[in-house]
Amino acid sequence: MVTTVSIRLALRKLAEITCGMAPSLIRVTARVDATGRRIYTASIPWECRYEICCYLKAHLDFEIDLHCGLLILTEEQAGGVLKLANNRQVEQSKSDAD
């Protein structure tokens, strides 16, 4: 299930992977657009924004929309971010177990 909290945690995990650190503050908000679709907006600290966005561009099948430093995601795109972060967490757990 896609929630603002799950997106925040996923972006934090991806920051750990790409930057080697998890930012203390990632803000995520949700709104519904005119067509009834849920849109998520994430404010990622500048220290790791570029790395996270490059990582998402390289691993997901959609264009990353960055507007004035805010990452804009549809519900489907947010689901892709969650899946990517979860897959990386599983891979990391398996390598730690070996």
PDB file of N, CA and C in Angstrom:
ATOM      1  N   MET A   1       0.838  -1.181   0.000  1.00  0.00           N
ATOM      2  CA  MET A   1       0.000   0.000   0.000  1.00  0.00           C
ATOM      3  C   MET A   1       0.887   1.250   0.000  1.00  0.00           C
ATOM      4  N   VAL A   2       0.541   2.194  -0.844  1.00  0.00           N
ATOM      5  CA  VAL A   2       1.308   3.428  -0.968  1.00  0.00           C
ATOM      6  C   VAL A   2       0.759   4.453   0.025  1.00  0.00           C
ATOM      7  N   THR A   3       1.634   4.924   0.898  1.00  0.00           N
ATOM      8  CA  THR A   3       1.287   5.988   1.837  1.00  0.00           C
ATOM      9  C   THR A   3       2.448   6.984   1.864  1.00  0.00           C
ATOM     10  N   THR A   4       2.215   8.137   2.439  1.00  0.00           N
ATOM     11  CA  THR A   4       3.300   9.111   2.553  1.00  0.00           C
ATOM     12  C   THR A   4       4.445   8.551   3.403  1.00  0.00           C
ATOM     13  N   VAL A   5       4.095   7.799   4.433  1.00  0.00           N
ATOM     14  CA  VAL A   5       5.128   7.219   5.296  1.00  0.00           C
ATOM     15  C   VAL A   5       5.932   6.161   4.546  1.00  0.00           C
ATOM     16  N   SER A   6       5.255   5.305   3.771  1.00  0.00           N
ATOM     17  CA  SER A   6       5.980   4.261   3.040  1.00  0.00           C
ATOM     18  C   SER A   6       6.892   4.875   1.978  1.00  0.00           C
ATOM     19  N   ILE A   7       6.465   5.946   1.338  1.00  0.00           N
ATOM     20  CA  ILE A   7       7.315   6.625   0.360  1.00  0.00           C
ATOM     21  C   ILE A   7       8.523   7.240   1.056  1.00  0.00           C
ATOM     22  N   ARG A   8       8.294   7.877   2.184  1.00  0.00           N
ATOM     23  CA  ARG A   8       9.393   8.485   2.952  1.00  0.00           C
ATOM     24  C   ARG A   8      10.434   7.428   3.322  1.00  0.00           C
ATOM     25  N   LEU A   9       9.990   6.294   3.829  1.00  0.00           N
ATOM     26  CA  LEU A   9      10.912   5.227   4.230  1.00  0.00           C
ATOM     27  C   LEU A   9      11.657   4.655   3.028  1.00  0.00           C
ATOM     28  N   ALA A  10      10.959   4.513   1.895  1.00  0.00           N
ATOM     29  CA  ALA A  10      11.598   3.996   0.685  1.00  0.00           C
ATOM     30  C   ALA A  10      12.674   4.961   0.192  1.00  0.00           C
ATOM     31  N   LEU A  11      12.374   6.244   0.170  1.00  0.00           N
ATOM     32  CA  LEU A  11      13.360   7.237  -0.271  1.00  0.00           C
ATOM     33  C   LEU A  11      14.550   7.288   0.677  1.00  0.00           C
ATOM     34  N   ARG A  12      14.292   7.104   1.965  1.00  0.00           N
ATOM     35  CA  ARG A  12      15.385   7.048   2.943  1.00  0.00           C
ATOM     36  C   ARG A  12      16.297   5.857   2.666  1.00  0.00           C
ATOM     37  N   LYS A  13      15.683   4.714   2.357  1.00  0.00           N
ATOM     38  CA  LYS A  13      16.451   3.508   2.050  1.00  0.00           C
ATOM     39  C   LYS A  13      17.286   3.714   0.783  1.00  0.00           C
ATOM     40  N   LEU A  14      16.688   4.322  -0.235  1.00  0.00           N
ATOM     41  CA  LEU A  14      17.423   4.585  -1.471  1.00  0.00           C
ATOM     42  C   LEU A  14      18.544   5.595  -1.248  1.00  0.00           C
ATOM     43  N   ALA A  15      18.349   6.533  -0.328  1.00  0.00           N
ATOM     44  CA  ALA A  15      19.416   7.478   0.018  1.00  0.00           C
ATOM     45  C   ALA A  15      20.582   6.745   0.670  1.00  0.00           C
ATOM     46  N   GLU A  16      20.278   5.780   1.519  1.00  0.00           N
ATOM     47  CA  GLU A  16      21.338   4.980   2.142  1.00  0.00           C
ATOM     48  C   GLU A  16      22.146   4.241   1.085  1.00  0.00           C
ATOM     49  N   ILE A  17      21.446   3.707   0.080  1.00  0.00           N
ATOM     50  CA  ILE A  17      22.110   2.951  -0.983  1.00  0.00           C
ATOM     51  C   ILE A  17      22.962   3.870  -1.853  1.00  0.00           C
ATOM     52  N   THR A  18      22.420   5.012  -2.236  1.00  0.00           N
ATOM     53  CA  THR A  18      23.106   5.880  -3.198  1.00  0.00           C
ATOM     54  C   THR A  18      24.103   6.838  -2.561  1.00  0.00           C
ATOM     55  N   CYS A  19      23.839   7.286  -1.345  1.00  0.00           N
ATOM     56  CA  CYS A  19      24.682   8.309  -0.711  1.00  0.00           C
ATOM     57  C   CYS A  19      25.460   7.793   0.488  1.00  0.00           C
ATOM     58  N   GLY A  20      25.089   6.622   0.966  1.00  0.00           N
ATOM     59  CA  GLY A  20      25.751   6.097   2.142  1.00  0.00           C
ATOM     60  C   GLY A  20      25.239   6.675   3.447  1.00  0.00           C
ATOM     61  N   MET A  21      24.171   7.456   3.357  1.00  0.00           N
ATOM     62  CA  MET A  21      23.567   8.044   4.560  1.00  0.00           C
ATOM     63  C   MET A  21      22.074   8.218   4.338  1.00  0.00           C
ATOM     64  N   ALA A  22      21.340   8.222   5.423  1.00  0.00           N
ATOM     65  CA  ALA A  22      19.898   8.450   5.347  1.00  0.00           C
ATOM     66  C   ALA A  22      19.611   9.857   5.852  1.00  0.00           C
ATOM     67  N   PRO A  23      18.994  10.697   5.026  1.00  0.00           N
ATOM     68  CA  PRO A  23      18.689  12.055   5.482  1.00  0.00           C
ATOM     69  C   PRO A  23      17.711  12.033   6.646  1.00  0.00           C
ATOM     70  N   SER A  24      17.873  12.967   7.538  1.00  0.00           N
ATOM     71  CA  SER A  24      16.999  13.001   8.711  1.00  0.00           C
ATOM     72  C   SER A  24      15.604  13.503   8.372  1.00  0.00           C
ATOM     73  N   LEU A  25      15.487  14.243   7.274  1.00  0.00           N
ATOM     74  CA  LEU A  25      14.187  14.808   6.950  1.00  0.00           C
ATOM     75  C   LEU A  25      13.877  14.680   5.460  1.00  0.00           C
ATOM     76  N   ILE A  26      12.875  13.874   5.155  1.00  0.00           N
ATOM     77  CA  ILE A  26      12.295  13.809   3.815  1.00  0.00           C
ATOM     78  C   ILE A  26      10.810  14.035   4.019  1.00  0.00           C
ATOM     79  N   ARG A  27      10.297  15.091   3.413  1.00  0.00           N
ATOM     80  CA  ARG A  27       8.878  15.403   3.554  1.00  0.00           C
ATOM     81  C   ARG A  27       8.127  14.866   2.352  1.00  0.00           C
ATOM     82  N   VAL A  28       7.000  14.211   2.618  1.00  0.00           N
ATOM     83  CA  VAL A  28       6.149  13.691   1.553  1.00  0.00           C
ATOM     84  C   VAL A  28       4.722  14.135   1.830  1.00  0.00           C
ATOM     85  N   THR A  29       4.083  14.687   0.812  1.00  0.00           N
ATOM     86  CA  THR A  29       2.681  15.081   0.922  1.00  0.00           C
ATOM     87  C   THR A  29       1.894  14.398  -0.187  1.00  0.00           C
ATOM     88  N   ALA A  30       0.583  14.307   0.017  1.00  0.00           N
ATOM     89  CA  ALA A  30      -0.300  13.695  -0.976  1.00  0.00           C
ATOM     90  C   ALA A  30      -1.452  14.644  -1.268  1.00  0.00           C
ATOM     91  N   ARG A  31      -1.885  14.617  -2.519  1.00  0.00           N
ATOM     92  CA  ARG A  31      -3.062  15.390  -2.910  1.00  0.00           C
ATOM     93  C   ARG A  31      -3.761  14.623  -4.029  1.00  0.00           C
ATOM     94  N   VAL A  32      -4.974  15.020  -4.329  1.00  0.00           N
ATOM     95  CA  VAL A  32      -5.726  14.414  -5.414  1.00  0.00           C
ATOM     96  C   VAL A  32      -5.858  15.458  -6.514  1.00  0.00           C
ATOM     97  N   ASP A  33      -5.498  15.077  -7.758  1.00  0.00           N
ATOM     98  CA  ASP A  33      -5.581  16.039  -8.856  1.00  0.00           C
ATOM     99  C   ASP A  33      -7.009  16.104  -9.407  1.00  0.00           C
ATOM    100  N   ALA A  34      -7.197  16.893 -10.439  1.00  0.00           N
ATOM    101  CA  ALA A  34      -8.531  17.131 -10.999  1.00  0.00           C
ATOM    102  C   ALA A  34      -9.172  15.866 -11.569  1.00  0.00           C
ATOM    103  N   THR A  35      -8.359  14.891 -11.950  1.00  0.00           N
ATOM    104  CA  THR A  35      -8.905  13.650 -12.502  1.00  0.00           C
ATOM    105  C   THR A  35      -9.154  12.592 -11.432  1.00  0.00           C
ATOM    106  N   GLY A  36      -8.850  12.928 -10.177  1.00  0.00           N
ATOM    107  CA  GLY A  36      -9.068  11.989  -9.080  1.00  0.00           C
ATOM    108  C   GLY A  36      -7.871  11.105  -8.774  1.00  0.00           C
ATOM    109  N   ARG A  37      -6.761  11.334  -9.467  1.00  0.00           N
ATOM    110  CA  ARG A  37      -5.555  10.549  -9.201  1.00  0.00           C
ATOM    111  C   ARG A  37      -4.802  11.128  -8.013  1.00  0.00           C
ATOM    112  N   ARG A  38      -4.233  10.248  -7.202  1.00  0.00           N
ATOM    113  CA  ARG A  38      -3.418  10.687  -6.074  1.00  0.00           C
ATOM    114  C   ARG A  38      -2.019  11.028  -6.569  1.00  0.00           C
ATOM    115  N   ILE A  39      -1.529  12.191  -6.173  1.00  0.00           N
ATOM    116  CA  ILE A  39      -0.201  12.672  -6.546  1.00  0.00           C
ATOM    117  C   ILE A  39       0.596  12.893  -5.266  1.00  0.00           C
ATOM    118  N   TYR A  40       1.818  12.381  -5.257  1.00  0.00           N
ATOM    119  CA  TYR A  40       2.703  12.528  -4.108  1.00  0.00           C
ATOM    120  C   TYR A  40       3.838  13.489  -4.460  1.00  0.00           C
ATOM    121  N   THR A  41       4.193  14.315  -3.506  1.00  0.00           N
ATOM    122  CA  THR A  41       5.294  15.256  -3.662  1.00  0.00           C
ATOM    123  C   THR A  41       6.284  15.004  -2.532  1.00  0.00           C
ATOM    124  N   ALA A  42       7.547  14.784  -2.914  1.00  0.00           N
ATOM    125  CA  ALA A  42       8.587  14.513  -1.915  1.00  0.00           C
ATOM    126  C   ALA A  42       9.647  15.599  -1.970  1.00  0.00           C
ATOM    127  N   SER A  43       9.966  16.137  -0.818  1.00  0.00           N
ATOM    128  CA  SER A  43      11.036  17.113  -0.683  1.00  0.00           C
ATOM    129  C   SER A  43      12.251  16.378  -0.115  1.00  0.00           C
ATOM    130  N   ILE A  44      13.254  16.198  -0.972  1.00  0.00           N
ATOM    131  CA  ILE A  44      14.459  15.452  -0.606  1.00  0.00           C
ATOM    132  C   ILE A  44      15.591  16.461  -0.409  1.00  0.00           C
ATOM    133  N   PRO A  45      16.351  16.350   0.674  1.00  0.00           N
ATOM    134  CA  PRO A  45      17.460  17.285   0.898  1.00  0.00           C
ATOM    135  C   PRO A  45      18.413  17.313  -0.292  1.00  0.00           C
ATOM    136  N   TRP A  46      18.937  18.483  -0.574  1.00  0.00           N
ATOM    137  CA  TRP A  46      19.787  18.666  -1.748  1.00  0.00           C
ATOM    138  C   TRP A  46      21.033  17.798  -1.710  1.00  0.00           C
ATOM    139  N   GLU A  47      21.505  17.436  -0.514  1.00  0.00           N
ATOM    140  CA  GLU A  47      22.731  16.647  -0.384  1.00  0.00           C
ATOM    141  C   GLU A  47      22.634  15.292  -1.090  1.00  0.00           C
ATOM    142  N   CYS A  48      21.433  14.756  -1.203  1.00  0.00           N
ATOM    143  CA  CYS A  48      21.301  13.432  -1.826  1.00  0.00           C
ATOM    144  C   CYS A  48      20.233  13.401  -2.930  1.00  0.00           C
ATOM    145  N   ARG A  49      19.630  14.526  -3.248  1.00  0.00           N
ATOM    146  CA  ARG A  49      18.560  14.575  -4.262  1.00  0.00           C
ATOM    147  C   ARG A  49      19.044  14.081  -5.621  1.00  0.00           C
ATOM    148  N   TYR A  50      20.188  14.582  -6.060  1.00  0.00           N
ATOM    149  CA  TYR A  50      20.705  14.209  -7.383  1.00  0.00           C
ATOM    150  C   TYR A  50      20.943  12.701  -7.476  1.00  0.00           C
ATOM    151  N   GLU A  51      21.591  12.121  -6.472  1.00  0.00           N
ATOM    152  CA  GLU A  51      21.909  10.687  -6.481  1.00  0.00           C
ATOM    153  C   GLU A  51      20.647   9.839  -6.486  1.00  0.00           C
ATOM    154  N   ILE A  52      19.669  10.215  -5.667  1.00  0.00           N
ATOM    155  CA  ILE A  52      18.418   9.455  -5.615  1.00  0.00           C
ATOM    156  C   ILE A  52      17.697   9.530  -6.956  1.00  0.00           C
ATOM    157  N   CYS A  53      17.595  10.717  -7.523  1.00  0.00           N
ATOM    158  CA  CYS A  53      16.891  10.882  -8.807  1.00  0.00           C
ATOM    159  C   CYS A  53      17.601  10.125  -9.930  1.00  0.00           C
ATOM    160  N   CYS A  54      18.920  10.157  -9.956  1.00  0.00           N
ATOM    161  CA  CYS A  54      19.668   9.390 -10.961  1.00  0.00           C
ATOM    162  C   CYS A  54      19.426   7.894 -10.794  1.00  0.00           C
ATOM    163  N   TYR A  55      19.400   7.434  -9.566  1.00  0.00           N
ATOM    164  CA  TYR A  55      19.155   6.026  -9.282  1.00  0.00           C
ATOM    165  C   TYR A  55      17.758   5.628  -9.749  1.00  0.00           C
ATOM    166  N   LEU A  56      16.764   6.464  -9.462  1.00  0.00           N
ATOM    167  CA  LEU A  56      15.404   6.175  -9.899  1.00  0.00           C
ATOM    168  C   LEU A  56      15.316   6.149 -11.424  1.00  0.00           C
ATOM    169  N   LYS A  57      15.955   7.109 -12.084  1.00  0.00           N
ATOM    170  CA  LYS A  57      15.950   7.146 -13.550  1.00  0.00           C
ATOM    171  C   LYS A  57      16.567   5.887 -14.144  1.00  0.00           C
ATOM    172  N   ALA A  58      17.611   5.383 -13.504  1.00  0.00           N
ATOM    173  CA  ALA A  58      18.313   4.214 -14.015  1.00  0.00           C
ATOM    174  C   ALA A  58      17.551   2.909 -13.783  1.00  0.00           C
ATOM    175  N   HIS A  59      16.708   2.866 -12.762  1.00  0.00           N
ATOM    176  CA  HIS A  59      16.083   1.598 -12.379  1.00  0.00           C
ATOM    177  C   HIS A  59      14.576   1.517 -12.607  1.00  0.00           C
ATOM    178  N   LEU A  60      13.947   2.619 -12.966  1.00  0.00           N
ATOM    179  CA  LEU A  60      12.491   2.599 -13.164  1.00  0.00           C
ATOM    180  C   LEU A  60      12.141   2.947 -14.605  1.00  0.00           C
ATOM    181  N   ASP A  61      10.971   2.508 -15.037  1.00  0.00           N
ATOM    182  CA  ASP A  61      10.550   2.667 -16.432  1.00  0.00           C
ATOM    183  C   ASP A  61       9.728   3.922 -16.682  1.00  0.00           C
ATOM    184  N   PHE A  62       9.937   4.958 -15.910  1.00  0.00           N
ATOM    185  CA  PHE A  62       9.201   6.198 -16.143  1.00  0.00           C
ATOM    186  C   PHE A  62      10.125   7.388 -15.922  1.00  0.00           C
ATOM    187  N   GLU A  63       9.724   8.499 -16.488  1.00  0.00           N
ATOM    188  CA  GLU A  63      10.496   9.735 -16.363  1.00  0.00           C
ATOM    189  C   GLU A  63      10.311  10.330 -14.971  1.00  0.00           C
ATOM    190  N   ILE A  64      11.377  10.769 -14.371  1.00  0.00           N
ATOM    191  CA  ILE A  64      11.321  11.387 -13.056  1.00  0.00           C
ATOM    192  C   ILE A  64      10.961  12.855 -13.235  1.00  0.00           C
ATOM    193  N   ASP A  65       9.922  13.294 -12.547  1.00  0.00           N
ATOM    194  CA  ASP A  65       9.467  14.679 -12.618  1.00  0.00           C
ATOM    195  C   ASP A  65       9.978  15.427 -11.396  1.00  0.00           C
ATOM    196  N   LEU A  66      10.953  16.306 -11.621  1.00  0.00           N
ATOM    197  CA  LEU A  66      11.520  17.110 -10.552  1.00  0.00           C
ATOM    198  C   LEU A  66      11.132  18.557 -10.816  1.00  0.00           C
ATOM    199  N   HIS A  67      10.349  19.129  -9.929  1.00  0.00           N
ATOM    200  CA  HIS A  67       9.857  20.489 -10.115  1.00  0.00           C
ATOM    201  C   HIS A  67      10.277  21.346  -8.930  1.00  0.00           C
ATOM    202  N   CYS A  68      11.170  22.293  -9.175  1.00  0.00           N
ATOM    203  CA  CYS A  68      11.669  23.190  -8.120  1.00  0.00           C
ATOM    204  C   CYS A  68      12.222  22.410  -6.931  1.00  0.00           C
ATOM    205  N   GLY A  69      12.926  21.320  -7.217  1.00  0.00           N
ATOM    206  CA  GLY A  69      13.525  20.525  -6.152  1.00  0.00           C
ATOM    207  C   GLY A  69      12.593  19.519  -5.513  1.00  0.00           C
ATOM    208  N   LEU A  70      11.354  19.436  -5.987  1.00  0.00           N
ATOM    209  CA  LEU A  70      10.391  18.480  -5.448  1.00  0.00           C
ATOM    210  C   LEU A  70      10.216  17.314  -6.414  1.00  0.00           C
ATOM    211  N   LEU A  71      10.226  16.111  -5.895  1.00  0.00           N
ATOM    212  CA  LEU A  71       9.985  14.923  -6.692  1.00  0.00           C
ATOM    213  C   LEU A  71       8.475  14.690  -6.740  1.00  0.00           C
ATOM    214  N   ILE A  72       7.899  14.679  -7.941  1.00  0.00           N
ATOM    215  CA  ILE A  72       6.466  14.508  -8.125  1.00  0.00           C
ATOM    216  C   ILE A  72       6.219  13.088  -8.637  1.00  0.00           C
ATOM    217  N   LEU A  73       5.350  12.343  -7.944  1.00  0.00           N
ATOM    218  CA  LEU A  73       5.065  10.952  -8.304  1.00  0.00           C
ATOM    219  C   LEU A  73       3.565  10.694  -8.361  1.00  0.00           C
ATOM    220  N   THR A  74       3.136   9.945  -9.374  1.00  0.00           N
ATOM    221  CA  THR A  74       1.761   9.442  -9.366  1.00  0.00           C
ATOM    222  C   THR A  74       1.718   8.254  -8.408  1.00  0.00           C
ATOM    223  N   GLU A  75       0.538   7.745  -8.147  1.00  0.00           N
ATOM    224  CA  GLU A  75       0.438   6.596  -7.249  1.00  0.00           C
ATOM    225  C   GLU A  75       1.156   5.377  -7.835  1.00  0.00           C
ATOM    226  N   GLU A  76       1.063   5.192  -9.160  1.00  0.00           N
ATOM    227  CA  GLU A  76       1.741   4.067  -9.807  1.00  0.00           C
ATOM    228  C   GLU A  76       3.259   4.221  -9.709  1.00  0.00           C
ATOM    229  N   GLN A  77       3.758   5.425  -9.932  1.00  0.00           N
ATOM    230  CA  GLN A  77       5.194   5.674  -9.831  1.00  0.00           C
ATOM    231  C   GLN A  77       5.678   5.477  -8.397  1.00  0.00           C
ATOM    232  N   ALA A  78       4.895   5.949  -7.443  1.00  0.00           N
ATOM    233  CA  ALA A  78       5.256   5.769  -6.031  1.00  0.00           C
ATOM    234  C   ALA A  78       5.329   4.282  -5.695  1.00  0.00           C
ATOM    235  N   GLY A  79       4.410   3.501  -6.244  1.00  0.00           N
ATOM    236  CA  GLY A  79       4.455   2.051  -6.050  1.00  0.00           C
ATOM    237  C   GLY A  79       5.738   1.455  -6.598  1.00  0.00           C
ATOM    238  N   GLY A  80       6.219   1.969  -7.741  1.00  0.00           N
ATOM    239  CA  GLY A  80       7.486   1.515  -8.303  1.00  0.00           C
ATOM    240  C   GLY A  80       8.666   1.847  -7.407  1.00  0.00           C
ATOM    241  N   VAL A  81       8.636   3.016  -6.790  1.00  0.00           N
ATOM    242  CA  VAL A  81       9.690   3.418  -5.854  1.00  0.00           C
ATOM    243  C   VAL A  81       9.696   2.478  -4.647  1.00  0.00           C
ATOM    244  N   LEU A  82       8.510   2.159  -4.124  1.00  0.00           N
ATOM    245  CA  LEU A  82       8.421   1.247  -2.978  1.00  0.00           C
ATOM    246  C   LEU A  82       8.963  -0.135  -3.334  1.00  0.00           C
ATOM    247  N   LYS A  83       8.583  -0.623  -4.504  1.00  0.00           N
ATOM    248  CA  LYS A  83       9.038  -1.944  -4.942  1.00  0.00           C
ATOM    249  C   LYS A  83      10.552  -1.963  -5.107  1.00  0.00           C
ATOM    250  N   LEU A  84      11.104  -0.915  -5.711  1.00  0.00           N
ATOM    251  CA  LEU A  84      12.549  -0.824  -5.899  1.00  0.00           C
ATOM    252  C   LEU A  84      13.282  -0.833  -4.556  1.00  0.00           C
ATOM    253  N   ALA A  85      12.826  -0.027  -3.618  1.00  0.00           N
ATOM    254  CA  ALA A  85      13.467   0.036  -2.299  1.00  0.00           C
ATOM    255  C   ALA A  85      13.353  -1.303  -1.576  1.00  0.00           C
ATOM    256  N   ASN A  86      12.187  -1.939  -1.685  1.00  0.00           N
ATOM    257  CA  ASN A  86      11.986  -3.233  -1.024  1.00  0.00           C
ATOM    258  C   ASN A  86      12.895  -4.295  -1.633  1.00  0.00           C
ATOM    259  N   ASN A  87      13.006  -4.319  -2.967  1.00  0.00           N
ATOM    260  CA  ASN A  87      13.883  -5.289  -3.627  1.00  0.00           C
ATOM    261  C   ASN A  87      15.330  -5.086  -3.208  1.00  0.00           C
ATOM    262  N   ARG A  88      15.769  -3.847  -3.098  1.00  0.00           N
ATOM    263  CA  ARG A  88      17.140  -3.561  -2.688  1.00  0.00           C
ATOM    264  C   ARG A  88      17.365  -3.980  -1.237  1.00  0.00           C
ATOM    265  N   GLN A  89      16.348  -3.800  -0.399  1.00  0.00           N
ATOM    266  CA  GLN A  89      16.475  -4.192   1.008  1.00  0.00           C
ATOM    267  C   GLN A  89      16.595  -5.713   1.110  1.00  0.00           C
ATOM    268  N   VAL A  90      15.817  -6.441   0.322  1.00  0.00           N
ATOM    269  CA  VAL A  90      15.880  -7.905   0.328  1.00  0.00           C
ATOM    270  C   VAL A  90      17.248  -8.373  -0.165  1.00  0.00           C
ATOM    271  N   GLU A  91      17.742  -7.754  -1.258  1.00  0.00           N
ATOM    272  CA  GLU A  91      19.056  -8.113  -1.781  1.00  0.00           C
ATOM    273  C   GLU A  91      20.145  -7.850  -0.746  1.00  0.00           C
ATOM    274  N   GLN A  92      20.047  -6.713  -0.047  1.00  0.00           N
ATOM    275  CA  GLN A  92      21.043  -6.374   0.952  1.00  0.00           C
ATOM    276  C   GLN A  92      20.996  -7.365   2.121  1.00  0.00           C
ATOM    277  N   SER A  93      19.791  -7.774   2.529  1.00  0.00           N
ATOM    278  CA  SER A  93      19.650  -8.742   3.614  1.00  0.00           C
ATOM    279  C   SER A  93      20.245 -10.073   3.248  1.00  0.00           C
ATOM    280  N   LYS A  94      20.048 -10.497   1.992  1.00  0.00           N
ATOM    281  CA  LYS A  94      20.602 -11.773   1.533  1.00  0.00           C
ATOM    282  C   LYS A  94      22.125 -11.718   1.520  1.00  0.00           C
ATOM    283  N   SER A  95      22.705 -10.610   1.061  1.00  0.00           N
ATOM    284  CA  SER A  95      24.166 -10.515   1.016  1.00  0.00           C
ATOM    285  C   SER A  95      24.758 -10.428   2.420  1.00  0.00           C
ATOM    286  N   ASP A  96      24.035  -9.819   3.355  1.00  0.00           N
ATOM    287  CA  ASP A  96      24.495  -9.754   4.743  1.00  0.00           C
ATOM    288  C   ASP A  96      24.484 -11.136   5.386  1.00  0.00           C
ATOM    289  N   ALA A  97      23.532 -11.992   4.970  1.00  0.00           N
ATOM    290  CA  ALA A  97      23.400 -13.328   5.543  1.00  0.00           C
ATOM    291  C   ALA A  97      24.509 -14.260   5.039  1.00  0.00           C
ATOM    292  N   ASP A  98      25.044 -13.974   3.856  1.00  0.00           N
ATOM    293  CA  ASP A  98      26.088 -14.823   3.274  1.00  0.00           C
ATOM    294  C   ASP A  98      27.392 -14.595   3.927  1.00  0.00           C
TER     295      ASP A  98
END
